[in-house]
Amino acid sequence: MDDRDKIQFDLIKLLNGERILRLTEPQSGLALEKKLAPSDAVVRQKEKFLSAFQAAPARVELSAA
């Protein structure tokens, strides 16, 4: 999952004011969601979550071996 341009970002605002960031890779169907911390900048949390999202397929391959 090296192509960051294909990853879709959705920022969802809940009725109670909380926000959820959803990252989806359309080709594999992999999707992860994370509740955002209200005190931290969204951009910083997005970049950190994106790094974990991109590493997820490698972790799955290692655990399957």
N, C-alpha and C. Protein backbone atom coordinates (compact mmCIF):
# COMPACT_ATOMS: atom_id res chain seq x y z
N MET A 1 0.84 -1.18 0.00
CA MET A 1 0.00 0.00 0.00
C MET A 1 0.88 1.24 0.00
N ASP A 2 1.65 1.39 -1.03
CA ASP A 2 2.59 2.50 -1.11
C ASP A 2 1.99 3.77 -1.67
N ASP A 3 0.85 3.68 -2.34
CA ASP A 3 0.26 4.83 -3.02
C ASP A 3 -0.71 5.56 -2.10
N ARG A 4 -0.22 6.62 -1.46
CA ARG A 4 -1.04 7.39 -0.52
C ARG A 4 -2.21 8.07 -1.20
N ASP A 5 -2.11 8.31 -2.52
CA ASP A 5 -3.18 9.01 -3.24
C ASP A 5 -4.46 8.19 -3.32
N LYS A 6 -4.36 6.88 -3.20
CA LYS A 6 -5.53 6.03 -3.31
C LYS A 6 -6.27 5.84 -1.99
N ILE A 7 -5.65 6.21 -0.89
CA ILE A 7 -6.28 6.06 0.42
C ILE A 7 -7.32 7.16 0.60
N GLN A 8 -8.51 6.74 0.99
CA GLN A 8 -9.61 7.68 1.19
C GLN A 8 -9.69 8.05 2.66
N PHE A 9 -9.90 9.33 2.93
CA PHE A 9 -10.02 9.85 4.29
C PHE A 9 -11.44 10.35 4.49
N ASP A 10 -12.06 9.93 5.57
CA ASP A 10 -13.38 10.44 5.93
C ASP A 10 -13.29 10.94 7.36
N LEU A 11 -13.69 12.18 7.58
CA LEU A 11 -13.77 12.74 8.92
C LEU A 11 -15.25 12.81 9.26
N ILE A 12 -15.65 12.04 10.26
CA ILE A 12 -17.05 11.91 10.62
C ILE A 12 -17.28 12.60 11.95
N LYS A 13 -18.24 13.52 11.98
CA LYS A 13 -18.58 14.21 13.22
C LYS A 13 -19.85 13.58 13.77
N LEU A 14 -19.78 13.10 14.99
CA LEU A 14 -20.91 12.47 15.64
C LEU A 14 -21.82 13.52 16.29
N LEU A 15 -23.03 13.13 16.60
CA LEU A 15 -24.00 14.05 17.20
C LEU A 15 -23.52 14.63 18.52
N ASN A 16 -22.73 13.88 19.27
CA ASN A 16 -22.24 14.37 20.55
C ASN A 16 -20.99 15.26 20.41
N GLY A 17 -20.57 15.54 19.18
CA GLY A 17 -19.44 16.42 18.93
C GLY A 17 -18.11 15.71 18.74
N GLU A 18 -18.05 14.43 19.06
CA GLU A 18 -16.82 13.68 18.85
C GLU A 18 -16.58 13.48 17.36
N ARG A 19 -15.31 13.23 17.01
CA ARG A 19 -14.96 13.02 15.61
C ARG A 19 -14.25 11.69 15.45
N ILE A 20 -14.51 11.05 14.30
CA ILE A 20 -13.87 9.78 13.96
C ILE A 20 -13.20 9.96 12.61
N LEU A 21 -11.98 9.46 12.50
CA LEU A 21 -11.25 9.47 11.24
C LEU A 21 -11.28 8.05 10.68
N ARG A 22 -11.76 7.91 9.45
CA ARG A 22 -11.80 6.60 8.79
C ARG A 22 -10.88 6.65 7.58
N LEU A 23 -9.96 5.69 7.50
CA LEU A 23 -9.08 5.54 6.35
C LEU A 23 -9.47 4.26 5.62
N THR A 24 -9.60 4.34 4.30
CA THR A 24 -10.00 3.19 3.50
C THR A 24 -9.11 3.09 2.28
N GLU A 25 -8.66 1.87 1.98
CA GLU A 25 -7.92 1.59 0.76
C GLU A 25 -8.87 0.80 -0.13
N PRO A 26 -9.38 1.42 -1.21
CA PRO A 26 -10.45 0.81 -2.02
C PRO A 26 -10.10 -0.53 -2.66
N GLN A 27 -8.88 -0.72 -3.09
CA GLN A 27 -8.52 -1.95 -3.79
C GLN A 27 -8.58 -3.17 -2.86
N SER A 28 -8.05 -3.05 -1.66
CA SER A 28 -8.05 -4.18 -0.74
C SER A 28 -9.29 -4.22 0.13
N GLY A 29 -9.95 -3.08 0.27
CA GLY A 29 -11.12 -3.00 1.14
C GLY A 29 -10.76 -2.78 2.60
N LEU A 30 -9.47 -2.64 2.91
CA LEU A 30 -9.03 -2.42 4.28
C LEU A 30 -9.52 -1.06 4.75
N ALA A 31 -10.13 -1.03 5.92
CA ALA A 31 -10.60 0.23 6.50
C ALA A 31 -10.32 0.21 7.99
N LEU A 32 -9.86 1.33 8.50
CA LEU A 32 -9.61 1.49 9.93
C LEU A 32 -10.26 2.79 10.39
N GLU A 33 -10.77 2.78 11.60
CA GLU A 33 -11.36 3.98 12.18
C GLU A 33 -10.70 4.26 13.51
N LYS A 34 -10.63 5.55 13.83
CA LYS A 34 -10.04 5.96 15.11
C LYS A 34 -10.77 7.19 15.61
N LYS A 35 -11.12 7.16 16.89
CA LYS A 35 -11.72 8.32 17.53
C LYS A 35 -10.61 9.35 17.75
N LEU A 36 -10.86 10.58 17.33
CA LEU A 36 -9.84 11.62 17.45
C LEU A 36 -9.88 12.28 18.81
N ALA A 37 -8.71 12.65 19.30
CA ALA A 37 -8.60 13.38 20.56
C ALA A 37 -8.93 14.84 20.30
N PRO A 38 -9.87 15.41 21.03
CA PRO A 38 -10.28 16.80 20.76
C PRO A 38 -9.18 17.82 21.04
N SER A 39 -8.22 17.47 21.88
CA SER A 39 -7.19 18.44 22.24
C SER A 39 -6.02 18.48 21.26
N ASP A 40 -5.90 17.49 20.38
CA ASP A 40 -4.79 17.43 19.42
C ASP A 40 -5.24 17.87 18.03
N ALA A 41 -4.31 18.40 17.26
CA ALA A 41 -4.61 18.83 15.89
C ALA A 41 -4.98 17.63 15.02
N VAL A 42 -6.00 17.79 14.19
CA VAL A 42 -6.46 16.70 13.32
C VAL A 42 -5.36 16.28 12.36
N VAL A 43 -4.62 17.22 11.81
CA VAL A 43 -3.57 16.91 10.84
C VAL A 43 -2.51 16.00 11.45
N ARG A 44 -2.11 16.28 12.66
CA ARG A 44 -1.09 15.47 13.34
C ARG A 44 -1.61 14.05 13.59
N GLN A 45 -2.85 13.96 14.03
CA GLN A 45 -3.44 12.64 14.29
C GLN A 45 -3.63 11.86 12.99
N LYS A 46 -3.98 12.57 11.93
CA LYS A 46 -4.18 11.93 10.63
C LYS A 46 -2.87 11.32 10.12
N GLU A 47 -1.77 12.04 10.22
CA GLU A 47 -0.48 11.54 9.75
C GLU A 47 -0.03 10.33 10.57
N LYS A 48 -0.23 10.39 11.88
CA LYS A 48 0.17 9.28 12.74
C LYS A 48 -0.66 8.03 12.42
N PHE A 49 -1.95 8.22 12.24
CA PHE A 49 -2.85 7.11 11.93
C PHE A 49 -2.56 6.55 10.54
N LEU A 50 -2.22 7.42 9.59
CA LEU A 50 -1.87 6.99 8.24
C LEU A 50 -0.64 6.07 8.26
N SER A 51 0.35 6.39 9.08
CA SER A 51 1.54 5.54 9.20
C SER A 51 1.18 4.14 9.69
N ALA A 52 0.31 4.07 10.68
CA ALA A 52 -0.14 2.77 11.20
C ALA A 52 -0.97 2.03 10.16
N PHE A 53 -1.79 2.76 9.43
CA PHE A 53 -2.64 2.17 8.39
C PHE A 53 -1.80 1.55 7.29
N GLN A 54 -0.75 2.25 6.87
CA GLN A 54 0.10 1.74 5.80
C GLN A 54 0.92 0.54 6.26
N ALA A 55 1.21 0.42 7.54
CA ALA A 55 1.98 -0.71 8.05
C ALA A 55 1.10 -1.93 8.30
N ALA A 56 -0.20 -1.78 8.34
CA ALA A 56 -1.11 -2.89 8.67
C ALA A 56 -0.97 -4.10 7.74
N PRO A 57 -0.91 -3.94 6.41
CA PRO A 57 -0.78 -5.13 5.55
C PRO A 57 0.52 -5.90 5.82
N ALA A 58 1.59 -5.23 6.12
CA ALA A 58 2.86 -5.90 6.42
C ALA A 58 2.73 -6.72 7.70
N ARG A 59 2.02 -6.19 8.67
CA ARG A 59 1.82 -6.92 9.92
C ARG A 59 0.99 -8.17 9.68
N VAL A 60 -0.01 -8.07 8.83
CA VAL A 60 -0.87 -9.21 8.54
C VAL A 60 -0.07 -10.31 7.85
N GLU A 61 0.80 -9.93 6.89
CA GLU A 61 1.64 -10.90 6.20
C GLU A 61 2.57 -11.61 7.17
N LEU A 62 3.14 -10.89 8.12
CA LEU A 62 4.05 -11.50 9.08
C LEU A 62 3.32 -12.47 10.01
N SER A 63 2.11 -12.13 10.41
CA SER A 63 1.39 -13.00 11.32
C SER A 63 0.85 -14.24 10.62
N ALA A 64 0.67 -14.19 9.30
CA ALA A 64 0.17 -15.33 8.53
C ALA A 64 1.28 -16.33 8.23
N ALA A 65 2.51 -15.89 8.28
CA ALA A 65 3.63 -16.77 7.92
C ALA A 65 3.97 -17.75 9.01
